[in-house]
Amino acid sequence: MLMDEAGNAYMQKDYNKSKILLDSLIHTYPKEKEITIQAKEFMRIVKKSEQDRNLIFLDSLLNARESELKLMMKDFNSIDNFGDMPWLEHKRQSTSNSYLRSFVKIHVNQNGNFYISSHLCAKEYINHNSIRVYFGNNSATTEQIDSETMVNKFDDGKYYWETINYRQNSDNGVADFISQHCKEMLKVEFVGEKKSQYIVMNNYDKDAIREGYEMAFIFREVIQIKQQIRSVKQSLKELTYNKGIH
């Protein structure tokens, strides 16, 4: 009866139910050698069919995610990282078209890592050490950065630039906040030692951060899917090798 039920479940592609029934049969009737041998072989077939289905699903999912990335990466440029994995920056936020403006920028790589940076262009240094992004009563603020060692500063005698990279999660959820509220009129406060400077975020900066943030998670998902595919293929190899061995 258990063998018949397991067979019916298998035909309906309810592999989990089939495995449970077979496992129950094997452990309930260990002295029934012939039937337990059949059950173990059937269990191998069920597991192989289940992994075949998993592989088809994972391959399809991987193709879908890689297609998404291919489209999204058209809007990004690869920046050399001196031998390490290059970082990607949105074309709208490249240095060439961001020379005389203040903005928040996103950086992402194909490992799914990301960070944001704040770029302030002003008439004088304010030595900002964090940024606050807000609308209404809602806001997110980065961690404070040591302005003496972590802020890149230079000037040409007329304009003064300050740049901070918020690495190792020091953005404190600002990238997520911008992504979640990119339809709102977001303002950025560059928090200085003695005074602050404010801007309203451009739509293309908000979209660039949202796209880069989403890309980071898709890159991570692709890595996880590839790991799962390798695991499934290894299981299939073992199930094929163990045919007839009980």
C-alpha atoms as a PDB file:
ATOM      1  CA  MET A   1       0.000   0.000   0.000  1.00  0.00           C
ATOM      2  CA  LEU A   2       2.801   2.430   0.921  1.00  0.00           C
ATOM      3  CA  MET A   3       4.651   1.578  -2.291  1.00  0.00           C
ATOM      4  CA  ASP A   4       1.515   2.193  -4.355  1.00  0.00           C
ATOM      5  CA  GLU A   5       0.874   5.536  -2.622  1.00  0.00           C
ATOM      6  CA  ALA A   6       4.500   6.549  -3.179  1.00  0.00           C
ATOM      7  CA  GLY A   7       4.125   5.631  -6.855  1.00  0.00           C
ATOM      8  CA  ASN A   8       0.956   7.707  -7.206  1.00  0.00           C
ATOM      9  CA  ALA A   9       2.629  10.693  -5.532  1.00  0.00           C
ATOM     10  CA  TYR A  10       5.596  10.322  -7.875  1.00  0.00           C
ATOM     11  CA  MET A  11       3.351  10.285 -10.947  1.00  0.00           C
ATOM     12  CA  GLN A  12       1.735  13.513  -9.694  1.00  0.00           C
ATOM     13  CA  LYS A  13       5.252  14.992  -9.244  1.00  0.00           C
ATOM     14  CA  ASP A  14       4.701  15.301  -5.490  1.00  0.00           C
ATOM     15  CA  TYR A  15       8.236  14.169  -4.828  1.00  0.00           C
ATOM     16  CA  ASN A  16       8.303  15.191  -1.178  1.00  0.00           C
ATOM     17  CA  LYS A  17       5.240  13.085  -0.337  1.00  0.00           C
ATOM     18  CA  SER A  18       6.698  10.158  -2.291  1.00  0.00           C
ATOM     19  CA  LYS A  19       9.962  10.374  -0.324  1.00  0.00           C
ATOM     20  CA  ILE A  20       8.106  10.497   3.003  1.00  0.00           C
ATOM     21  CA  LEU A  21       6.089   7.382   2.135  1.00  0.00           C
ATOM     22  CA  LEU A  22       9.154   5.485   0.962  1.00  0.00           C
ATOM     23  CA  ASP A  23      11.110   6.490   4.029  1.00  0.00           C
ATOM     24  CA  SER A  24       8.246   5.278   6.215  1.00  0.00           C
ATOM     25  CA  LEU A  25       8.201   1.967   4.355  1.00  0.00           C
ATOM     26  CA  ILE A  26      11.963   1.462   4.702  1.00  0.00           C
ATOM     27  CA  HIS A  27      12.019   2.185   8.430  1.00  0.00           C
ATOM     28  CA  THR A  28       8.755   0.448   9.317  1.00  0.00           C
ATOM     29  CA  TYR A  29       9.546  -2.843   7.579  1.00  0.00           C
ATOM     30  CA  PRO A  30      13.341  -3.250   7.768  1.00  0.00           C
ATOM     31  CA  LYS A  31      13.070  -7.077   7.714  1.00  0.00           C
ATOM     32  CA  GLU A  32      11.247  -7.085   4.375  1.00  0.00           C
ATOM     33  CA  LYS A  33      14.505  -7.147   2.401  1.00  0.00           C
ATOM     34  CA  GLU A  34      13.069  -7.374  -1.088  1.00  0.00           C
ATOM     35  CA  ILE A  35      10.576  -4.554  -0.640  1.00  0.00           C
ATOM     36  CA  THR A  36      13.085  -2.281   1.132  1.00  0.00           C
ATOM     37  CA  ILE A  37      15.583  -2.772  -1.703  1.00  0.00           C
ATOM     38  CA  GLN A  38      12.865  -1.788  -4.179  1.00  0.00           C
ATOM     39  CA  ALA A  39      11.929   1.189  -1.969  1.00  0.00           C
ATOM     40  CA  LYS A  40      15.541   2.408  -1.796  1.00  0.00           C
ATOM     41  CA  GLU A  41      15.926   2.182  -5.552  1.00  0.00           C
ATOM     42  CA  PHE A  42      12.608   3.981  -6.013  1.00  0.00           C
ATOM     43  CA  MET A  43      13.815   6.619  -3.510  1.00  0.00           C
ATOM     44  CA  ARG A  44      16.901   7.185  -5.684  1.00  0.00           C
ATOM     45  CA  ILE A  45      14.702   7.621  -8.770  1.00  0.00           C
ATOM     46  CA  VAL A  46      12.425  10.070  -6.926  1.00  0.00           C
ATOM     47  CA  LYS A  47      15.380  12.128  -5.673  1.00  0.00           C
ATOM     48  CA  LYS A  48      16.914  12.210  -9.149  1.00  0.00           C
ATOM     49  CA  SER A  49      13.624  13.367 -10.713  1.00  0.00           C
ATOM     50  CA  GLU A  50      13.320  16.028  -8.015  1.00  0.00           C
ATOM     51  CA  GLN A  51      16.861  17.289  -8.689  1.00  0.00           C
ATOM     52  CA  ASP A  52      16.248  17.231 -12.458  1.00  0.00           C
ATOM     53  CA  ARG A  53      13.233  19.485 -11.875  1.00  0.00           C
ATOM     54  CA  ASN A  54      15.258  21.726  -9.559  1.00  0.00           C
ATOM     55  CA  LEU A  55      17.975  22.069 -12.185  1.00  0.00           C
ATOM     56  CA  ILE A  56      15.468  23.092 -14.875  1.00  0.00           C
ATOM     57  CA  PHE A  57      13.978  25.695 -12.518  1.00  0.00           C
ATOM     58  CA  LEU A  58      17.382  27.069 -11.463  1.00  0.00           C
ATOM     59  CA  ASP A  59      18.638  27.276 -15.055  1.00  0.00           C
ATOM     60  CA  SER A  60      15.496  29.189 -16.023  1.00  0.00           C
ATOM     61  CA  LEU A  61      15.838  31.511 -13.030  1.00  0.00           C
ATOM     62  CA  LEU A  62      19.518  32.132 -13.763  1.00  0.00           C
ATOM     63  CA  ASN A  63      18.749  33.037 -17.386  1.00  0.00           C
ATOM     64  CA  ALA A  64      16.047  35.467 -16.248  1.00  0.00           C
ATOM     65  CA  ARG A  65      18.297  37.188 -13.701  1.00  0.00           C
ATOM     66  CA  GLU A  66      21.242  37.410 -16.093  1.00  0.00           C
ATOM     67  CA  SER A  67      18.939  38.937 -18.727  1.00  0.00           C
ATOM     68  CA  GLU A  68      17.851  41.552 -16.178  1.00  0.00           C
ATOM     69  CA  LEU A  69      21.469  42.362 -15.383  1.00  0.00           C
ATOM     70  CA  LYS A  70      22.393  42.614 -19.048  1.00  0.00           C
ATOM     71  CA  LEU A  71      19.745  45.284 -19.584  1.00  0.00           C
ATOM     72  CA  MET A  72      20.606  47.192 -16.400  1.00  0.00           C
ATOM     73  CA  MET A  73      24.366  47.153 -17.027  1.00  0.00           C
ATOM     74  CA  LYS A  74      23.889  49.083 -20.265  1.00  0.00           C
ATOM     75  CA  ASP A  75      23.444  52.164 -18.068  1.00  0.00           C
ATOM     76  CA  PHE A  76      26.683  51.552 -16.133  1.00  0.00           C
ATOM     77  CA  ASN A  77      30.379  51.984 -16.873  1.00  0.00           C
ATOM     78  CA  SER A  78      33.111  49.753 -15.497  1.00  0.00           C
ATOM     79  CA  ILE A  79      35.793  51.599 -13.508  1.00  0.00           C
ATOM     80  CA  ASP A  80      39.245  50.038 -13.165  1.00  0.00           C
ATOM     81  CA  ASN A  81      40.064  49.077  -9.575  1.00  0.00           C
ATOM     82  CA  PHE A  82      43.817  48.471 -10.008  1.00  0.00           C
ATOM     83  CA  GLY A  83      43.699  44.700 -10.440  1.00  0.00           C
ATOM     84  CA  ASP A  84      40.748  44.027  -8.137  1.00  0.00           C
ATOM     85  CA  MET A  85      37.184  43.521  -9.318  1.00  0.00           C
ATOM     86  CA  PRO A  86      36.106  46.730 -11.099  1.00  0.00           C
ATOM     87  CA  TRP A  87      33.348  48.908  -9.705  1.00  0.00           C
ATOM     88  CA  LEU A  88      30.388  49.961 -11.816  1.00  0.00           C
ATOM     89  CA  GLU A  89      29.120  53.536 -11.856  1.00  0.00           C
ATOM     90  CA  HIS A  90      25.977  54.846 -13.494  1.00  0.00           C
ATOM     91  CA  LYS A  91      26.645  56.755 -16.717  1.00  0.00           C
ATOM     92  CA  ARG A  92      24.589  59.673 -15.414  1.00  0.00           C
ATOM     93  CA  GLN A  93      26.923  59.956 -12.429  1.00  0.00           C
ATOM     94  CA  SER A  94      30.268  59.784 -14.210  1.00  0.00           C
ATOM     95  CA  THR A  95      32.951  62.341 -13.382  1.00  0.00           C
ATOM     96  CA  SER A  96      32.660  63.944 -16.817  1.00  0.00           C
ATOM     97  CA  ASN A  97      29.053  65.052 -16.286  1.00  0.00           C
ATOM     98  CA  SER A  98      29.218  65.724 -12.540  1.00  0.00           C
ATOM     99  CA  TYR A  99      32.095  68.195 -12.320  1.00  0.00           C
ATOM    100  CA  LEU A 100      30.368  71.243 -10.819  1.00  0.00           C
ATOM    101  CA  ARG A 101      27.540  69.748  -8.836  1.00  0.00           C
ATOM    102  CA  SER A 102      26.794  68.224  -5.434  1.00  0.00           C
ATOM    103  CA  PHE A 103      25.227  64.775  -5.407  1.00  0.00           C
ATOM    104  CA  VAL A 104      25.116  61.280  -3.899  1.00  0.00           C
ATOM    105  CA  LYS A 105      26.590  58.473  -5.993  1.00  0.00           C
ATOM    106  CA  ILE A 106      26.324  54.677  -5.938  1.00  0.00           C
ATOM    107  CA  HIS A 107      29.101  52.178  -6.654  1.00  0.00           C
ATOM    108  CA  VAL A 108      28.437  48.450  -7.206  1.00  0.00           C
ATOM    109  CA  ASN A 109      30.457  45.404  -8.273  1.00  0.00           C
ATOM    110  CA  GLN A 110      29.614  41.964  -9.623  1.00  0.00           C
ATOM    111  CA  ASN A 111      30.027  40.332  -6.205  1.00  0.00           C
ATOM    112  CA  GLY A 112      26.946  42.266  -5.144  1.00  0.00           C
ATOM    113  CA  ASN A 113      28.885  44.713  -2.990  1.00  0.00           C
ATOM    114  CA  PHE A 114      27.908  48.364  -3.042  1.00  0.00           C
ATOM    115  CA  TYR A 115      28.557  51.649  -1.304  1.00  0.00           C
ATOM    116  CA  ILE A 116      27.509  55.254  -1.737  1.00  0.00           C
ATOM    117  CA  SER A 117      29.617  58.394  -1.781  1.00  0.00           C
ATOM    118  CA  SER A 118      28.765  62.024  -1.145  1.00  0.00           C
ATOM    119  CA  HIS A 119      30.183  64.688  -3.462  1.00  0.00           C
ATOM    120  CA  LEU A 120      30.007  68.319  -2.379  1.00  0.00           C
ATOM    121  CA  CYS A 121      30.975  71.201  -4.637  1.00  0.00           C
ATOM    122  CA  ALA A 122      30.879  74.565  -2.824  1.00  0.00           C
ATOM    123  CA  LYS A 123      32.428  78.014  -2.554  1.00  0.00           C
ATOM    124  CA  GLU A 124      34.346  76.955   0.559  1.00  0.00           C
ATOM    125  CA  TYR A 125      35.123  73.870   2.620  1.00  0.00           C
ATOM    126  CA  ILE A 126      32.518  72.935   5.205  1.00  0.00           C
ATOM    127  CA  ASN A 127      34.327  69.699   6.194  1.00  0.00           C
ATOM    128  CA  HIS A 128      31.181  67.589   6.036  1.00  0.00           C
ATOM    129  CA  ASN A 129      31.402  64.236   7.828  1.00  0.00           C
ATOM    130  CA  SER A 130      27.982  62.713   7.048  1.00  0.00           C
ATOM    131  CA  ILE A 131      24.846  63.206   5.003  1.00  0.00           C
ATOM    132  CA  ARG A 132      21.183  63.149   5.933  1.00  0.00           C
ATOM    133  CA  VAL A 133      18.606  62.319   3.272  1.00  0.00           C
ATOM    134  CA  TYR A 134      15.053  63.283   4.125  1.00  0.00           C
ATOM    135  CA  PHE A 135      11.535  64.235   3.112  1.00  0.00           C
ATOM    136  CA  GLY A 136       8.896  65.439   5.545  1.00  0.00           C
ATOM    137  CA  ASN A 137       9.522  63.757   8.898  1.00  0.00           C
ATOM    138  CA  ASN A 138      11.290  60.781   7.308  1.00  0.00           C
ATOM    139  CA  SER A 139      15.055  60.585   7.119  1.00  0.00           C
ATOM    140  CA  ALA A 140      18.148  58.397   7.059  1.00  0.00           C
ATOM    141  CA  THR A 141      21.625  59.506   8.124  1.00  0.00           C
ATOM    142  CA  THR A 142      25.007  57.968   7.444  1.00  0.00           C
ATOM    143  CA  GLU A 143      27.532  57.305  10.156  1.00  0.00           C
ATOM    144  CA  GLN A 144      29.894  60.164  10.935  1.00  0.00           C
ATOM    145  CA  ILE A 145      33.196  59.834   9.115  1.00  0.00           C
ATOM    146  CA  ASP A 146      36.529  61.120  10.402  1.00  0.00           C
ATOM    147  CA  SER A 147      36.858  64.269   8.313  1.00  0.00           C
ATOM    148  CA  GLU A 148      40.620  64.459   8.873  1.00  0.00           C
ATOM    149  CA  THR A 149      41.495  61.111   7.306  1.00  0.00           C
ATOM    150  CA  MET A 150      38.495  59.871   5.313  1.00  0.00           C
ATOM    151  CA  VAL A 151      37.396  62.954   3.361  1.00  0.00           C
ATOM    152  CA  ASN A 152      39.001  63.681  -0.007  1.00  0.00           C
ATOM    153  CA  LYS A 153      39.326  67.430  -0.535  1.00  0.00           C
ATOM    154  CA  PHE A 154      40.718  69.611  -3.315  1.00  0.00           C
ATOM    155  CA  ASP A 155      40.077  73.037  -4.812  1.00  0.00           C
ATOM    156  CA  ASP A 156      41.033  75.172  -7.780  1.00  0.00           C
ATOM    157  CA  GLY A 157      40.894  78.465  -5.896  1.00  0.00           C
ATOM    158  CA  LYS A 158      37.296  79.062  -6.976  1.00  0.00           C
ATOM    159  CA  TYR A 159      35.454  75.825  -6.232  1.00  0.00           C
ATOM    160  CA  TYR A 160      35.963  73.449  -3.326  1.00  0.00           C
ATOM    161  CA  TRP A 161      35.231  69.724  -3.531  1.00  0.00           C
ATOM    162  CA  GLU A 162      34.712  67.251  -0.696  1.00  0.00           C
ATOM    163  CA  THR A 163      34.098  63.513  -1.250  1.00  0.00           C
ATOM    164  CA  ILE A 164      33.328  60.764   1.272  1.00  0.00           C
ATOM    165  CA  ASN A 165      33.021  57.036   0.559  1.00  0.00           C
ATOM    166  CA  TYR A 166      30.601  55.314   2.959  1.00  0.00           C
ATOM    167  CA  ARG A 167      32.002  51.780   2.890  1.00  0.00           C
ATOM    168  CA  GLN A 168      31.383  48.768   5.144  1.00  0.00           C
ATOM    169  CA  ASN A 169      27.700  49.623   5.689  1.00  0.00           C
ATOM    170  CA  SER A 170      28.535  53.072   7.047  1.00  0.00           C
ATOM    171  CA  ASP A 171      25.791  54.477   4.787  1.00  0.00           C
ATOM    172  CA  ASN A 172      23.475  53.325   7.609  1.00  0.00           C
ATOM    173  CA  GLY A 173      20.633  52.419   5.247  1.00  0.00           C
ATOM    174  CA  VAL A 174      20.716  55.638   3.209  1.00  0.00           C
ATOM    175  CA  ALA A 175      20.922  53.749  -0.110  1.00  0.00           C
ATOM    176  CA  ASP A 176      17.905  51.664   0.870  1.00  0.00           C
ATOM    177  CA  PHE A 177      16.022  54.801   2.009  1.00  0.00           C
ATOM    178  CA  ILE A 178      16.634  56.520  -1.329  1.00  0.00           C
ATOM    179  CA  SER A 179      15.603  53.396  -3.263  1.00  0.00           C
ATOM    180  CA  GLN A 180      12.404  52.977  -1.269  1.00  0.00           C
ATOM    181  CA  HIS A 181      11.417  56.650  -1.565  1.00  0.00           C
ATOM    182  CA  CYS A 182      12.805  57.634  -4.975  1.00  0.00           C
ATOM    183  CA  LYS A 183       9.406  59.030  -6.033  1.00  0.00           C
ATOM    184  CA  GLU A 184       9.505  61.564  -3.202  1.00  0.00           C
ATOM    185  CA  MET A 185      11.228  64.956  -3.353  1.00  0.00           C
ATOM    186  CA  LEU A 186      14.319  63.960  -1.425  1.00  0.00           C
ATOM    187  CA  LYS A 187      16.691  66.517   0.050  1.00  0.00           C
ATOM    188  CA  VAL A 188      20.273  65.942   1.120  1.00  0.00           C
ATOM    189  CA  GLU A 189      21.978  67.708   4.012  1.00  0.00           C
ATOM    190  CA  PHE A 190      25.765  67.666   3.866  1.00  0.00           C
ATOM    191  CA  VAL A 191      26.447  67.918   7.587  1.00  0.00           C
ATOM    192  CA  GLY A 192      29.558  70.042   8.197  1.00  0.00           C
ATOM    193  CA  GLU A 193      31.575  70.728  11.307  1.00  0.00           C
ATOM    194  CA  LYS A 194      30.078  74.191  11.753  1.00  0.00           C
ATOM    195  CA  LYS A 195      27.401  74.464   9.090  1.00  0.00           C
ATOM    196  CA  SER A 196      25.512  72.356   6.570  1.00  0.00           C
ATOM    197  CA  GLN A 197      24.751  72.624   2.898  1.00  0.00           C
ATOM    198  CA  TYR A 198      21.536  71.386   1.255  1.00  0.00           C
ATOM    199  CA  ILE A 199      20.478  70.149  -2.161  1.00  0.00           C
ATOM    200  CA  VAL A 200      17.349  68.624  -3.696  1.00  0.00           C
ATOM    201  CA  MET A 201      18.185  65.303  -5.326  1.00  0.00           C
ATOM    202  CA  ASN A 202      17.806  65.109  -9.102  1.00  0.00           C
ATOM    203  CA  ASN A 203      15.515  62.386 -10.389  1.00  0.00           C
ATOM    204  CA  TYR A 204      18.346  60.794 -12.361  1.00  0.00           C
ATOM    205  CA  ASP A 205      20.513  60.539  -9.221  1.00  0.00           C
ATOM    206  CA  LYS A 206      17.668  58.879  -7.318  1.00  0.00           C
ATOM    207  CA  ASP A 207      17.078  56.477 -10.204  1.00  0.00           C
ATOM    208  CA  ALA A 208      20.795  55.714 -10.513  1.00  0.00           C
ATOM    209  CA  ILE A 209      21.019  54.823  -6.823  1.00  0.00           C
ATOM    210  CA  ARG A 210      17.862  52.706  -6.990  1.00  0.00           C
ATOM    211  CA  GLU A 211      19.112  50.838 -10.069  1.00  0.00           C
ATOM    212  CA  GLY A 212      22.575  50.245  -8.609  1.00  0.00           C
ATOM    213  CA  TYR A 213      21.100  49.095  -5.299  1.00  0.00           C
ATOM    214  CA  GLU A 214      18.782  46.647  -7.079  1.00  0.00           C
ATOM    215  CA  MET A 215      21.669  45.403  -9.238  1.00  0.00           C
ATOM    216  CA  ALA A 216      23.716  44.566  -6.147  1.00  0.00           C
ATOM    217  CA  PHE A 217      21.003  42.218  -4.893  1.00  0.00           C
ATOM    218  CA  ILE A 218      20.552  40.606  -8.322  1.00  0.00           C
ATOM    219  CA  PHE A 219      24.322  40.009  -8.522  1.00  0.00           C
ATOM    220  CA  ARG A 220      24.135  38.305  -5.116  1.00  0.00           C
ATOM    221  CA  GLU A 221      21.169  36.228  -6.209  1.00  0.00           C
ATOM    222  CA  VAL A 222      23.017  35.107  -9.353  1.00  0.00           C
ATOM    223  CA  ILE A 223      25.956  33.936  -7.214  1.00  0.00           C
ATOM    224  CA  GLN A 224      23.578  31.990  -4.949  1.00  0.00           C
ATOM    225  CA  ILE A 225      21.780  30.404  -7.916  1.00  0.00           C
ATOM    226  CA  LYS A 226      25.088  29.280  -9.434  1.00  0.00           C
ATOM    227  CA  GLN A 227      26.072  27.732  -6.106  1.00  0.00           C
ATOM    228  CA  GLN A 228      22.733  25.905  -5.961  1.00  0.00           C
ATOM    229  CA  ILE A 229      23.199  24.649  -9.533  1.00  0.00           C
ATOM    230  CA  ARG A 230      26.616  23.236  -8.631  1.00  0.00           C
ATOM    231  CA  SER A 231      25.088  21.539  -5.583  1.00  0.00           C
ATOM    232  CA  VAL A 232      22.238  20.034  -7.617  1.00  0.00           C
ATOM    233  CA  LYS A 233      24.638  18.765 -10.298  1.00  0.00           C
ATOM    234  CA  GLN A 234      26.783  17.143  -7.598  1.00  0.00           C
ATOM    235  CA  SER A 235      23.695  15.450  -6.130  1.00  0.00           C
ATOM    236  CA  LEU A 236      22.687  14.177  -9.575  1.00  0.00           C
ATOM    237  CA  LYS A 237      26.176  12.819 -10.111  1.00  0.00           C
ATOM    238  CA  GLU A 238      26.036  10.953  -6.795  1.00  0.00           C
ATOM    239  CA  LEU A 239      22.522   9.629  -7.458  1.00  0.00           C
ATOM    240  CA  THR A 240      23.598   8.344 -10.861  1.00  0.00           C
ATOM    241  CA  TYR A 241      26.767   6.765  -9.437  1.00  0.00           C
ATOM    242  CA  ASN A 242      24.831   5.074  -6.620  1.00  0.00           C
ATOM    243  CA  LYS A 243      22.390   3.345  -8.978  1.00  0.00           C
ATOM    244  CA  GLY A 244      21.850  -0.186  -7.747  1.00  0.00           C
ATOM    245  CA  ILE A 245      23.902   0.356  -4.566  1.00  0.00           C
ATOM    246  CA  HIS A 246      21.918  -0.025  -1.320  1.00  0.00           C
END
